[in-house]
């Protein structure tokens, strides 16, 4: 039987031998690369056995304040997509203060968030947004605040912290006005010649985030502002690619935009990595990240939401707010059951 290093004519394949030899000693020459101060991806599978330690050591560094910033009676204003809503509910149930103003649910893109914040702070919209929202009945209509604008201004001024959660980089836009819809286009007004679906850019989103920060600072100069990226995947896309790959692009655009905004190093502005906890750590463990509490595969598990929000409250308020989420995470049941799944 011929050796794998032997050609069909019986001669030795020296080229193959050289290539094979060149590949083998990677561990020797790789040590010559500069490594000082490098932060490494968890390489040992056993590191994933302790999810809490993994979050603390491999996700949070560089994103949290050195010391907790808030007291239990500090009001938290949460704006944006589903994580903001869950955070608001969690803080309220834990006895902490979260604004109970009726915040529109459709503030998933940075144009919608900026438009709403501009109205709250100045009384004027940016002129770059269409204010449609879905009512509890399912009806879609132009959003009108239940409270006077002064109520929102006062809530912003009194806030101990703000949380902005961004979900989408894909938007519908009006060709004639340039306005971006808060959510989709209501079917009653959809005009294929006027309304265009597009992917916003990194630069657009970074600019919108920084404009939101500047607006908040007009009424509240010191409250921490926390920006998060929703880990919930797109429900659908109008691009001519699969929804999963479109979601990858959409989240990537937003994550880079947030990183660019954070690189400005504005005082007391932070990124909270809920996206990485769910999508990156969740993808490397057997712990439940999605779809365990209902039949919807896109929904982040209630247990995972509780873990994220509990760790968030630790770093802002200085103590766990949920005994269930504070237990060693490796000991959690495979189904991820918690008080959230009892709702």
C-alpha atoms as a PDB file:
ATOM      1  CA  UNK A   1       0.000   0.000   0.000  1.00  0.00           C
ATOM      2  CA  UNK A   2       1.445   3.349  -1.056  1.00  0.00           C
ATOM      3  CA  UNK A   3       2.062   6.076   1.459  1.00  0.00           C
ATOM      4  CA  UNK A   4      -0.114   9.197   1.242  1.00  0.00           C
ATOM      5  CA  UNK A   5       3.154  11.021   0.503  1.00  0.00           C
ATOM      6  CA  UNK A   6       3.752   8.880  -2.619  1.00  0.00           C
ATOM      7  CA  UNK A   7       2.726   9.915  -6.139  1.00  0.00           C
ATOM      8  CA  UNK A   8       1.018   7.395  -8.453  1.00  0.00           C
ATOM      9  CA  UNK A   9       4.366   6.774 -10.218  1.00  0.00           C
ATOM     10  CA  UNK A  10       6.007   5.804  -6.938  1.00  0.00           C
ATOM     11  CA  UNK A  11       8.012   9.011  -6.439  1.00  0.00           C
ATOM     12  CA  UNK A  12       7.872  10.889  -3.170  1.00  0.00           C
ATOM     13  CA  UNK A  13       5.572  13.934  -3.107  1.00  0.00           C
ATOM     14  CA  UNK A  14       7.974  16.389  -1.528  1.00  0.00           C
ATOM     15  CA  UNK A  15       5.590  19.326  -1.966  1.00  0.00           C
ATOM     16  CA  UNK A  16       2.931  17.605   0.121  1.00  0.00           C
ATOM     17  CA  UNK A  17       5.530  16.754   2.735  1.00  0.00           C
ATOM     18  CA  UNK A  18       6.651  20.388   2.967  1.00  0.00           C
ATOM     19  CA  UNK A  19       3.068  21.663   3.215  1.00  0.00           C
ATOM     20  CA  UNK A  20       2.216  19.131   5.897  1.00  0.00           C
ATOM     21  CA  UNK A  21       5.320  20.008   7.867  1.00  0.00           C
ATOM     22  CA  UNK A  22       4.586  23.733   7.581  1.00  0.00           C
ATOM     23  CA  UNK A  23       1.107  23.341   9.039  1.00  0.00           C
ATOM     24  CA  UNK A  24       1.931  21.213  12.066  1.00  0.00           C
ATOM     25  CA  UNK A  25       4.018  23.540  14.256  1.00  0.00           C
ATOM     26  CA  UNK A  26       1.362  26.303  14.578  1.00  0.00           C
ATOM     27  CA  UNK A  27       1.535  26.242  18.374  1.00  0.00           C
ATOM     28  CA  UNK A  28       5.244  27.075  18.191  1.00  0.00           C
ATOM     29  CA  UNK A  29       5.211  30.056  15.844  1.00  0.00           C
ATOM     30  CA  UNK A  30       1.879  31.440  17.095  1.00  0.00           C
ATOM     31  CA  UNK A  31       3.584  32.386  20.349  1.00  0.00           C
ATOM     32  CA  UNK A  32       5.601  35.013  18.505  1.00  0.00           C
ATOM     33  CA  UNK A  33       2.536  37.239  18.049  1.00  0.00           C
ATOM     34  CA  UNK A  34       2.087  40.231  20.351  1.00  0.00           C
ATOM     35  CA  UNK A  35      -0.423  39.339  23.098  1.00  0.00           C
ATOM     36  CA  UNK A  36       0.089  41.916  25.835  1.00  0.00           C
ATOM     37  CA  UNK A  37      -3.236  43.271  27.179  1.00  0.00           C
ATOM     38  CA  UNK A  38      -5.266  41.105  24.784  1.00  0.00           C
ATOM     39  CA  UNK A  39      -8.751  39.960  25.850  1.00  0.00           C
ATOM     40  CA  UNK A  40      -9.398  36.388  24.741  1.00  0.00           C
ATOM     41  CA  UNK A  41     -12.532  34.557  23.714  1.00  0.00           C
ATOM     42  CA  UNK A  42     -13.300  31.809  26.268  1.00  0.00           C
ATOM     43  CA  UNK A  43     -11.280  28.892  24.915  1.00  0.00           C
ATOM     44  CA  UNK A  44     -11.978  26.245  27.526  1.00  0.00           C
ATOM     45  CA  UNK A  45     -15.357  24.578  27.225  1.00  0.00           C
ATOM     46  CA  UNK A  46     -15.543  24.373  31.014  1.00  0.00           C
ATOM     47  CA  UNK A  47     -15.692  28.170  31.195  1.00  0.00           C
ATOM     48  CA  UNK A  48     -19.235  27.940  29.835  1.00  0.00           C
ATOM     49  CA  UNK A  49     -20.386  25.874  32.801  1.00  0.00           C
ATOM     50  CA  UNK A  50     -20.768  28.995  34.946  1.00  0.00           C
ATOM     51  CA  UNK A  51     -22.927  31.375  32.936  1.00  0.00           C
ATOM     52  CA  UNK A  52     -22.839  34.097  35.582  1.00  0.00           C
ATOM     53  CA  UNK A  53     -19.044  34.110  35.690  1.00  0.00           C
ATOM     54  CA  UNK A  54     -18.966  34.022  31.908  1.00  0.00           C
ATOM     55  CA  UNK A  55     -21.146  37.148  31.694  1.00  0.00           C
ATOM     56  CA  UNK A  56     -19.015  38.930  34.281  1.00  0.00           C
ATOM     57  CA  UNK A  57     -15.628  38.016  32.822  1.00  0.00           C
ATOM     58  CA  UNK A  58     -16.246  37.655  29.082  1.00  0.00           C
ATOM     59  CA  UNK A  59     -19.093  40.044  28.238  1.00  0.00           C
ATOM     60  CA  UNK A  60     -19.259  42.975  30.653  1.00  0.00           C
ATOM     61  CA  UNK A  61     -15.647  44.282  30.789  1.00  0.00           C
ATOM     62  CA  UNK A  62     -15.440  47.752  29.328  1.00  0.00           C
ATOM     63  CA  UNK A  63     -19.207  48.334  29.365  1.00  0.00           C
ATOM     64  CA  UNK A  64     -20.182  48.957  32.985  1.00  0.00           C
ATOM     65  CA  UNK A  65     -19.459  51.721  35.494  1.00  0.00           C
ATOM     66  CA  UNK A  66     -16.831  51.074  38.137  1.00  0.00           C
ATOM     67  CA  UNK A  67     -19.462  51.471  40.868  1.00  0.00           C
ATOM     68  CA  UNK A  68     -23.272  51.280  40.879  1.00  0.00           C
ATOM     69  CA  UNK A  69     -24.771  54.613  39.871  1.00  0.00           C
ATOM     70  CA  UNK A  70     -28.343  54.516  41.156  1.00  0.00           C
ATOM     71  CA  UNK A  71     -30.396  54.328  44.311  1.00  0.00           C
ATOM     72  CA  UNK A  72     -33.534  52.209  44.661  1.00  0.00           C
ATOM     73  CA  UNK A  73     -35.747  55.325  44.389  1.00  0.00           C
ATOM     74  CA  UNK A  74     -34.178  56.568  41.136  1.00  0.00           C
ATOM     75  CA  UNK A  75     -36.606  56.661  38.234  1.00  0.00           C
ATOM     76  CA  UNK A  76     -35.565  54.737  35.096  1.00  0.00           C
ATOM     77  CA  UNK A  77     -36.982  55.834  31.733  1.00  0.00           C
ATOM     78  CA  UNK A  78     -36.951  52.948  29.259  1.00  0.00           C
ATOM     79  CA  UNK A  79     -37.518  53.534  25.541  1.00  0.00           C
ATOM     80  CA  UNK A  80     -37.366  51.275  22.517  1.00  0.00           C
ATOM     81  CA  UNK A  81     -38.135  47.659  21.678  1.00  0.00           C
ATOM     82  CA  UNK A  82     -38.981  44.586  23.716  1.00  0.00           C
ATOM     83  CA  UNK A  83     -36.037  44.671  26.134  1.00  0.00           C
ATOM     84  CA  UNK A  84     -37.074  48.158  27.273  1.00  0.00           C
ATOM     85  CA  UNK A  85     -40.595  46.884  27.932  1.00  0.00           C
ATOM     86  CA  UNK A  86     -39.339  43.849  29.856  1.00  0.00           C
ATOM     87  CA  UNK A  87     -36.956  46.005  31.856  1.00  0.00           C
ATOM     88  CA  UNK A  88     -39.755  48.377  32.768  1.00  0.00           C
ATOM     89  CA  UNK A  89     -41.920  45.497  33.999  1.00  0.00           C
ATOM     90  CA  UNK A  90     -39.065  43.838  35.862  1.00  0.00           C
ATOM     91  CA  UNK A  91     -38.007  47.003  37.694  1.00  0.00           C
ATOM     92  CA  UNK A  92     -41.572  47.728  38.735  1.00  0.00           C
ATOM     93  CA  UNK A  93     -42.120  44.202  40.067  1.00  0.00           C
ATOM     94  CA  UNK A  94     -38.831  44.374  41.962  1.00  0.00           C
ATOM     95  CA  UNK A  95     -39.954  47.495  43.803  1.00  0.00           C
ATOM     96  CA  UNK A  96     -37.739  49.847  41.807  1.00  0.00           C
ATOM     97  CA  UNK A  97     -39.080  52.857  39.954  1.00  0.00           C
ATOM     98  CA  UNK A  98     -39.646  52.737  36.205  1.00  0.00           C
ATOM     99  CA  UNK A  99     -41.699  55.299  34.346  1.00  0.00           C
ATOM    100  CA  UNK A 100     -45.291  54.220  33.764  1.00  0.00           C
ATOM    101  CA  UNK A 101     -45.901  56.746  31.009  1.00  0.00           C
ATOM    102  CA  UNK A 102     -47.426  55.252  27.892  1.00  0.00           C
ATOM    103  CA  UNK A 103     -44.333  55.010  25.725  1.00  0.00           C
ATOM    104  CA  UNK A 104     -45.075  53.946  22.144  1.00  0.00           C
ATOM    105  CA  UNK A 105     -44.196  50.289  21.548  1.00  0.00           C
ATOM    106  CA  UNK A 106     -42.963  50.838  18.004  1.00  0.00           C
ATOM    107  CA  UNK A 107     -39.763  52.736  18.713  1.00  0.00           C
ATOM    108  CA  UNK A 108     -37.585  50.024  17.178  1.00  0.00           C
ATOM    109  CA  UNK A 109     -35.337  52.097  14.921  1.00  0.00           C
ATOM    110  CA  UNK A 110     -33.149  55.075  15.765  1.00  0.00           C
ATOM    111  CA  UNK A 111     -35.222  57.470  13.644  1.00  0.00           C
ATOM    112  CA  UNK A 112     -38.342  56.617  15.648  1.00  0.00           C
ATOM    113  CA  UNK A 113     -36.504  56.923  18.961  1.00  0.00           C
ATOM    114  CA  UNK A 114     -34.959  60.256  17.978  1.00  0.00           C
ATOM    115  CA  UNK A 115     -38.299  61.591  16.754  1.00  0.00           C
ATOM    116  CA  UNK A 116     -40.009  60.704  20.031  1.00  0.00           C
ATOM    117  CA  UNK A 117     -37.206  62.056  22.240  1.00  0.00           C
ATOM    118  CA  UNK A 118     -37.146  65.309  20.234  1.00  0.00           C
ATOM    119  CA  UNK A 119     -40.876  65.729  20.789  1.00  0.00           C
ATOM    120  CA  UNK A 120     -40.553  65.009  24.522  1.00  0.00           C
ATOM    121  CA  UNK A 121     -37.700  67.473  25.020  1.00  0.00           C
ATOM    122  CA  UNK A 122     -38.512  70.296  22.593  1.00  0.00           C
ATOM    123  CA  UNK A 123     -42.168  69.866  21.702  1.00  0.00           C
ATOM    124  CA  UNK A 124     -41.275  69.483  18.030  1.00  0.00           C
ATOM    125  CA  UNK A 125     -40.742  66.343  15.993  1.00  0.00           C
ATOM    126  CA  UNK A 126     -37.568  65.976  13.982  1.00  0.00           C
ATOM    127  CA  UNK A 127     -39.546  65.980  10.764  1.00  0.00           C
ATOM    128  CA  UNK A 128     -37.852  62.670   9.953  1.00  0.00           C
ATOM    129  CA  UNK A 129     -40.468  60.326  11.372  1.00  0.00           C
ATOM    130  CA  UNK A 130     -44.011  59.106  10.821  1.00  0.00           C
ATOM    131  CA  UNK A 131     -45.713  58.535  14.159  1.00  0.00           C
ATOM    132  CA  UNK A 132     -47.814  55.390  13.768  1.00  0.00           C
ATOM    133  CA  UNK A 133     -48.441  52.918  16.569  1.00  0.00           C
ATOM    134  CA  UNK A 134     -50.467  49.745  17.108  1.00  0.00           C
ATOM    135  CA  UNK A 135     -53.204  49.930  19.722  1.00  0.00           C
ATOM    136  CA  UNK A 136     -54.055  47.061  22.089  1.00  0.00           C
ATOM    137  CA  UNK A 137     -57.038  46.332  19.858  1.00  0.00           C
ATOM    138  CA  UNK A 138     -54.661  45.746  16.957  1.00  0.00           C
ATOM    139  CA  UNK A 139     -55.713  48.923  15.165  1.00  0.00           C
ATOM    140  CA  UNK A 140     -52.942  51.080  13.711  1.00  0.00           C
ATOM    141  CA  UNK A 141     -53.237  54.834  13.961  1.00  0.00           C
ATOM    142  CA  UNK A 142     -51.079  57.912  14.313  1.00  0.00           C
ATOM    143  CA  UNK A 143     -49.614  58.024  17.809  1.00  0.00           C
ATOM    144  CA  UNK A 144     -51.017  60.633  20.184  1.00  0.00           C
ATOM    145  CA  UNK A 145     -49.715  60.928  23.742  1.00  0.00           C
ATOM    146  CA  UNK A 146     -52.112  60.159  26.590  1.00  0.00           C
ATOM    147  CA  UNK A 147     -50.312  62.703  28.754  1.00  0.00           C
ATOM    148  CA  UNK A 148     -49.327  66.310  28.102  1.00  0.00           C
ATOM    149  CA  UNK A 149     -45.808  66.787  26.805  1.00  0.00           C
ATOM    150  CA  UNK A 150     -44.865  68.534  30.044  1.00  0.00           C
ATOM    151  CA  UNK A 151     -45.406  65.218  31.837  1.00  0.00           C
ATOM    152  CA  UNK A 152     -42.774  63.591  29.646  1.00  0.00           C
ATOM    153  CA  UNK A 153     -40.385  66.513  30.083  1.00  0.00           C
ATOM    154  CA  UNK A 154     -40.731  66.243  33.859  1.00  0.00           C
ATOM    155  CA  UNK A 155     -40.139  62.481  33.737  1.00  0.00           C
ATOM    156  CA  UNK A 156     -36.984  63.060  31.680  1.00  0.00           C
ATOM    157  CA  UNK A 157     -35.778  65.728  34.094  1.00  0.00           C
ATOM    158  CA  UNK A 158     -36.423  63.522  37.143  1.00  0.00           C
ATOM    159  CA  UNK A 159     -34.950  60.347  35.659  1.00  0.00           C
ATOM    160  CA  UNK A 160     -32.076  58.628  37.412  1.00  0.00           C
ATOM    161  CA  UNK A 161     -31.219  56.752  34.223  1.00  0.00           C
ATOM    162  CA  UNK A 162     -32.321  56.243  30.621  1.00  0.00           C
ATOM    163  CA  UNK A 163     -32.299  53.004  28.646  1.00  0.00           C
ATOM    164  CA  UNK A 164     -32.579  53.119  24.846  1.00  0.00           C
ATOM    165  CA  UNK A 165     -33.092  49.742  23.164  1.00  0.00           C
ATOM    166  CA  UNK A 166     -32.617  49.617  19.386  1.00  0.00           C
ATOM    167  CA  UNK A 167     -34.016  46.772  17.316  1.00  0.00           C
ATOM    168  CA  UNK A 168     -34.051  47.450  13.574  1.00  0.00           C
ATOM    169  CA  UNK A 169     -31.780  48.900  10.917  1.00  0.00           C
ATOM    170  CA  UNK A 170     -34.327  48.174   8.162  1.00  0.00           C
ATOM    171  CA  UNK A 171     -36.937  50.910   7.692  1.00  0.00           C
ATOM    172  CA  UNK A 172     -39.734  52.121   5.452  1.00  0.00           C
ATOM    173  CA  UNK A 173     -39.230  55.660   4.191  1.00  0.00           C
ATOM    174  CA  UNK A 174     -41.327  58.216   2.319  1.00  0.00           C
ATOM    175  CA  UNK A 175     -39.593  59.215  -0.935  1.00  0.00           C
ATOM    176  CA  UNK A 176     -41.286  62.633  -0.979  1.00  0.00           C
ATOM    177  CA  UNK A 177     -40.646  63.810   2.580  1.00  0.00           C
ATOM    178  CA  UNK A 178     -37.707  61.624   3.615  1.00  0.00           C
ATOM    179  CA  UNK A 179     -39.603  60.662   6.766  1.00  0.00           C
ATOM    180  CA  UNK A 180     -38.994  57.226   8.275  1.00  0.00           C
ATOM    181  CA  UNK A 181     -41.921  55.275   9.695  1.00  0.00           C
ATOM    182  CA  UNK A 182     -41.762  54.350  13.359  1.00  0.00           C
ATOM    183  CA  UNK A 183     -42.777  50.828  12.385  1.00  0.00           C
ATOM    184  CA  UNK A 184     -44.142  49.522   9.093  1.00  0.00           C
ATOM    185  CA  UNK A 185     -46.340  51.411   6.662  1.00  0.00           C
ATOM    186  CA  UNK A 186     -50.053  51.143   7.485  1.00  0.00           C
ATOM    187  CA  UNK A 187     -51.580  49.216   4.598  1.00  0.00           C
ATOM    188  CA  UNK A 188     -54.331  51.822   4.191  1.00  0.00           C
ATOM    189  CA  UNK A 189     -51.788  54.427   3.072  1.00  0.00           C
ATOM    190  CA  UNK A 190     -49.140  52.250   1.402  1.00  0.00           C
ATOM    191  CA  UNK A 191     -48.056  53.563  -1.992  1.00  0.00           C
ATOM    192  CA  UNK A 192     -45.504  51.458  -3.855  1.00  0.00           C
ATOM    193  CA  UNK A 193     -44.374  54.500  -5.849  1.00  0.00           C
ATOM    194  CA  UNK A 194     -43.852  56.590  -2.724  1.00  0.00           C
ATOM    195  CA  UNK A 195     -42.758  54.272   0.073  1.00  0.00           C
ATOM    196  CA  UNK A 196     -39.361  52.575  -0.126  1.00  0.00           C
ATOM    197  CA  UNK A 197     -37.881  49.868   2.062  1.00  0.00           C
ATOM    198  CA  UNK A 198     -34.184  50.223   2.797  1.00  0.00           C
ATOM    199  CA  UNK A 199     -31.337  49.373   5.135  1.00  0.00           C
ATOM    200  CA  UNK A 200     -30.106  52.367   7.122  1.00  0.00           C
ATOM    201  CA  UNK A 201     -26.378  52.957   7.411  1.00  0.00           C
ATOM    202  CA  UNK A 202     -23.952  52.763  10.299  1.00  0.00           C
ATOM    203  CA  UNK A 203     -23.359  56.515  10.034  1.00  0.00           C
ATOM    204  CA  UNK A 204     -27.071  57.361  10.159  1.00  0.00           C
ATOM    205  CA  UNK A 205     -27.671  55.293  13.250  1.00  0.00           C
ATOM    206  CA  UNK A 206     -24.570  56.508  15.083  1.00  0.00           C
ATOM    207  CA  UNK A 207     -25.604  60.108  14.390  1.00  0.00           C
ATOM    208  CA  UNK A 208     -29.153  59.482  15.634  1.00  0.00           C
ATOM    209  CA  UNK A 209     -27.884  57.910  18.853  1.00  0.00           C
ATOM    210  CA  UNK A 210     -25.624  60.868  19.591  1.00  0.00           C
ATOM    211  CA  UNK A 211     -28.444  63.319  18.800  1.00  0.00           C
ATOM    212  CA  UNK A 212     -30.640  61.488  21.339  1.00  0.00           C
ATOM    213  CA  UNK A 213     -27.904  61.846  23.945  1.00  0.00           C
ATOM    214  CA  UNK A 214     -27.606  65.562  23.223  1.00  0.00           C
ATOM    215  CA  UNK A 215     -31.370  66.051  23.500  1.00  0.00           C
ATOM    216  CA  UNK A 216     -31.580  64.225  26.821  1.00  0.00           C
ATOM    217  CA  UNK A 217     -28.735  66.355  28.165  1.00  0.00           C
ATOM    218  CA  UNK A 218     -30.820  69.479  27.522  1.00  0.00           C
ATOM    219  CA  UNK A 219     -33.181  68.463  30.341  1.00  0.00           C
ATOM    220  CA  UNK A 220     -31.037  66.060  32.378  1.00  0.00           C
ATOM    221  CA  UNK A 221     -27.303  66.700  32.499  1.00  0.00           C
ATOM    222  CA  UNK A 222     -26.151  63.829  34.694  1.00  0.00           C
ATOM    223  CA  UNK A 223     -28.375  60.724  34.472  1.00  0.00           C
ATOM    224  CA  UNK A 224     -26.606  57.660  33.002  1.00  0.00           C
ATOM    225  CA  UNK A 225     -27.765  56.804  29.488  1.00  0.00           C
ATOM    226  CA  UNK A 226     -27.619  53.121  28.593  1.00  0.00           C
ATOM    227  CA  UNK A 227     -27.893  51.931  24.981  1.00  0.00           C
ATOM    228  CA  UNK A 228     -28.766  48.307  24.254  1.00  0.00           C
ATOM    229  CA  UNK A 229     -29.269  46.252  21.096  1.00  0.00           C
ATOM    230  CA  UNK A 230     -32.299  43.967  21.059  1.00  0.00           C
ATOM    231  CA  UNK A 231     -31.346  40.299  20.574  1.00  0.00           C
ATOM    232  CA  UNK A 232     -34.774  39.488  19.081  1.00  0.00           C
ATOM    233  CA  UNK A 233     -34.411  38.527  15.388  1.00  0.00           C
ATOM    234  CA  UNK A 234     -36.278  40.201  12.561  1.00  0.00           C
ATOM    235  CA  UNK A 235     -39.795  38.905  12.041  1.00  0.00           C
ATOM    236  CA  UNK A 236     -39.601  39.494   8.305  1.00  0.00           C
ATOM    237  CA  UNK A 237     -37.651  41.393   5.671  1.00  0.00           C
ATOM    238  CA  UNK A 238     -38.565  42.944   2.342  1.00  0.00           C
ATOM    239  CA  UNK A 239     -35.022  42.543   1.032  1.00  0.00           C
ATOM    240  CA  UNK A 240     -34.404  39.848  -1.593  1.00  0.00           C
ATOM    241  CA  UNK A 241     -32.432  37.688   0.807  1.00  0.00           C
ATOM    242  CA  UNK A 242     -33.465  35.322   3.580  1.00  0.00           C
ATOM    243  CA  UNK A 243     -34.773  36.806   6.807  1.00  0.00           C
ATOM    244  CA  UNK A 244     -31.998  35.180   8.844  1.00  0.00           C
ATOM    245  CA  UNK A 245     -29.210  36.691   6.766  1.00  0.00           C
ATOM    246  CA  UNK A 246     -31.027  40.038   6.655  1.00  0.00           C
ATOM    247  CA  UNK A 247     -31.235  39.917  10.441  1.00  0.00           C
ATOM    248  CA  UNK A 248     -27.488  39.320  10.645  1.00  0.00           C
ATOM    249  CA  UNK A 249     -26.831  42.396   8.522  1.00  0.00           C
ATOM    250  CA  UNK A 250     -29.373  44.541  10.387  1.00  0.00           C
ATOM    251  CA  UNK A 251     -27.946  43.707  13.814  1.00  0.00           C
ATOM    252  CA  UNK A 252     -24.393  44.160  12.541  1.00  0.00           C
ATOM    253  CA  UNK A 253     -25.154  47.655  11.257  1.00  0.00           C
ATOM    254  CA  UNK A 254     -26.668  48.649  14.588  1.00  0.00           C
ATOM    255  CA  UNK A 255     -23.916  47.083  16.677  1.00  0.00           C
ATOM    256  CA  UNK A 256     -21.217  48.930  14.740  1.00  0.00           C
ATOM    257  CA  UNK A 257     -23.246  52.159  14.956  1.00  0.00           C
ATOM    258  CA  UNK A 258     -23.503  51.797  18.741  1.00  0.00           C
ATOM    259  CA  UNK A 259     -19.779  51.110  18.924  1.00  0.00           C
ATOM    260  CA  UNK A 260     -19.064  54.254  16.926  1.00  0.00           C
ATOM    261  CA  UNK A 261     -21.323  56.298  19.205  1.00  0.00           C
ATOM    262  CA  UNK A 262     -19.604  54.839  22.291  1.00  0.00           C
ATOM    263  CA  UNK A 263     -16.217  55.783  20.826  1.00  0.00           C
ATOM    264  CA  UNK A 264     -17.180  59.433  21.382  1.00  0.00           C
ATOM    265  CA  UNK A 265     -16.814  58.712  25.121  1.00  0.00           C
ATOM    266  CA  UNK A 266     -19.692  60.940  26.132  1.00  0.00           C
ATOM    267  CA  UNK A 267     -19.856  61.215  29.950  1.00  0.00           C
ATOM    268  CA  UNK A 268     -22.128  58.651  31.614  1.00  0.00           C
ATOM    269  CA  UNK A 269     -23.149  56.920  28.377  1.00  0.00           C
ATOM    270  CA  UNK A 270     -22.867  53.117  28.417  1.00  0.00           C
ATOM    271  CA  UNK A 271     -23.575  50.089  26.252  1.00  0.00           C
ATOM    272  CA  UNK A 272     -25.310  47.156  27.926  1.00  0.00           C
ATOM    273  CA  UNK A 273     -24.491  43.894  26.046  1.00  0.00           C
ATOM    274  CA  UNK A 274     -27.814  42.066  26.247  1.00  0.00           C
ATOM    275  CA  UNK A 275     -27.387  41.187  22.554  1.00  0.00           C
ATOM    276  CA  UNK A 276     -24.091  39.397  23.186  1.00  0.00           C
ATOM    277  CA  UNK A 277     -25.419  37.582  26.246  1.00  0.00           C
ATOM    278  CA  UNK A 278     -28.245  36.055  24.205  1.00  0.00           C
ATOM    279  CA  UNK A 279     -26.722  35.637  20.747  1.00  0.00           C
ATOM    280  CA  UNK A 280     -23.067  34.895  21.554  1.00  0.00           C
ATOM    281  CA  UNK A 281     -23.070  33.196  24.942  1.00  0.00           C
ATOM    282  CA  UNK A 282     -26.475  31.659  24.276  1.00  0.00           C
ATOM    283  CA  UNK A 283     -25.121  30.084  21.111  1.00  0.00           C
ATOM    284  CA  UNK A 284     -22.308  28.367  23.011  1.00  0.00           C
ATOM    285  CA  UNK A 285     -24.316  26.845  25.846  1.00  0.00           C
ATOM    286  CA  UNK A 286     -27.197  24.439  26.316  1.00  0.00           C
ATOM    287  CA  UNK A 287     -29.040  26.982  28.444  1.00  0.00           C
ATOM    288  CA  UNK A 288     -32.328  28.185  26.922  1.00  0.00           C
ATOM    289  CA  UNK A 289     -31.994  31.426  24.979  1.00  0.00           C
ATOM    290  CA  UNK A 290     -35.015  31.378  22.667  1.00  0.00           C
ATOM    291  CA  UNK A 291     -38.462  29.923  22.332  1.00  0.00           C
ATOM    292  CA  UNK A 292     -38.824  27.916  25.547  1.00  0.00           C
ATOM    293  CA  UNK A 293     -41.810  29.786  27.002  1.00  0.00           C
ATOM    294  CA  UNK A 294     -44.068  29.695  23.957  1.00  0.00           C
ATOM    295  CA  UNK A 295     -44.099  28.413  20.396  1.00  0.00           C
ATOM    296  CA  UNK A 296     -42.454  31.514  18.927  1.00  0.00           C
ATOM    297  CA  UNK A 297     -38.840  30.755  18.054  1.00  0.00           C
ATOM    298  CA  UNK A 298     -37.904  34.469  17.925  1.00  0.00           C
ATOM    299  CA  UNK A 299     -38.842  35.195  21.541  1.00  0.00           C
ATOM    300  CA  UNK A 300     -36.023  35.336  24.059  1.00  0.00           C
ATOM    301  CA  UNK A 301     -36.815  32.944  26.911  1.00  0.00           C
ATOM    302  CA  UNK A 302     -38.308  34.552  29.987  1.00  0.00           C
ATOM    303  CA  UNK A 303     -35.536  33.073  32.102  1.00  0.00           C
ATOM    304  CA  UNK A 304     -32.885  34.653  29.887  1.00  0.00           C
ATOM    305  CA  UNK A 305     -34.629  38.041  30.042  1.00  0.00           C
ATOM    306  CA  UNK A 306     -34.699  37.773  33.812  1.00  0.00           C
ATOM    307  CA  UNK A 307     -30.996  36.955  33.948  1.00  0.00           C
ATOM    308  CA  UNK A 308     -30.106  39.893  31.690  1.00  0.00           C
ATOM    309  CA  UNK A 309     -32.219  42.388  33.593  1.00  0.00           C
ATOM    310  CA  UNK A 310     -31.021  41.098  36.952  1.00  0.00           C
ATOM    311  CA  UNK A 311     -27.371  41.557  35.951  1.00  0.00           C
ATOM    312  CA  UNK A 312     -28.281  44.986  34.607  1.00  0.00           C
ATOM    313  CA  UNK A 313     -29.803  45.992  37.934  1.00  0.00           C
ATOM    314  CA  UNK A 314     -26.761  44.708  39.816  1.00  0.00           C
ATOM    315  CA  UNK A 315     -24.430  46.986  37.916  1.00  0.00           C
ATOM    316  CA  UNK A 316     -26.669  50.048  38.111  1.00  0.00           C
ATOM    317  CA  UNK A 317     -28.355  49.532  41.484  1.00  0.00           C
ATOM    318  CA  UNK A 318     -25.634  47.491  43.138  1.00  0.00           C
ATOM    319  CA  UNK A 319     -27.630  44.420  44.157  1.00  0.00           C
ATOM    320  CA  UNK A 320     -29.630  41.599  42.550  1.00  0.00           C
ATOM    321  CA  UNK A 321     -33.330  42.338  42.322  1.00  0.00           C
ATOM    322  CA  UNK A 322     -34.444  38.762  41.658  1.00  0.00           C
ATOM    323  CA  UNK A 323     -33.665  35.811  43.947  1.00  0.00           C
ATOM    324  CA  UNK A 324     -34.500  33.388  41.118  1.00  0.00           C
ATOM    325  CA  UNK A 325     -32.094  34.966  38.652  1.00  0.00           C
ATOM    326  CA  UNK A 326     -29.443  35.389  41.317  1.00  0.00           C
ATOM    327  CA  UNK A 327     -29.117  31.644  41.902  1.00  0.00           C
ATOM    328  CA  UNK A 328     -26.111  29.919  40.274  1.00  0.00           C
ATOM    329  CA  UNK A 329     -27.043  29.871  36.604  1.00  0.00           C
ATOM    330  CA  UNK A 330     -25.444  26.520  35.875  1.00  0.00           C
ATOM    331  CA  UNK A 331     -28.028  24.959  38.189  1.00  0.00           C
ATOM    332  CA  UNK A 332     -31.016  26.328  36.270  1.00  0.00           C
ATOM    333  CA  UNK A 333     -33.292  23.662  34.720  1.00  0.00           C
ATOM    334  CA  UNK A 334     -32.854  22.931  31.035  1.00  0.00           C
ATOM    335  CA  UNK A 335     -36.281  24.371  30.199  1.00  0.00           C
ATOM    336  CA  UNK A 336     -35.336  27.683  31.768  1.00  0.00           C
ATOM    337  CA  UNK A 337     -38.485  27.824  33.896  1.00  0.00           C
ATOM    338  CA  UNK A 338     -38.821  30.792  36.224  1.00  0.00           C
ATOM    339  CA  UNK A 339     -41.485  33.068  37.591  1.00  0.00           C
ATOM    340  CA  UNK A 340     -41.623  34.702  34.145  1.00  0.00           C
ATOM    341  CA  UNK A 341     -43.011  31.556  32.556  1.00  0.00           C
ATOM    342  CA  UNK A 342     -45.873  31.537  35.043  1.00  0.00           C
ATOM    343  CA  UNK A 343     -47.358  34.682  33.534  1.00  0.00           C
END
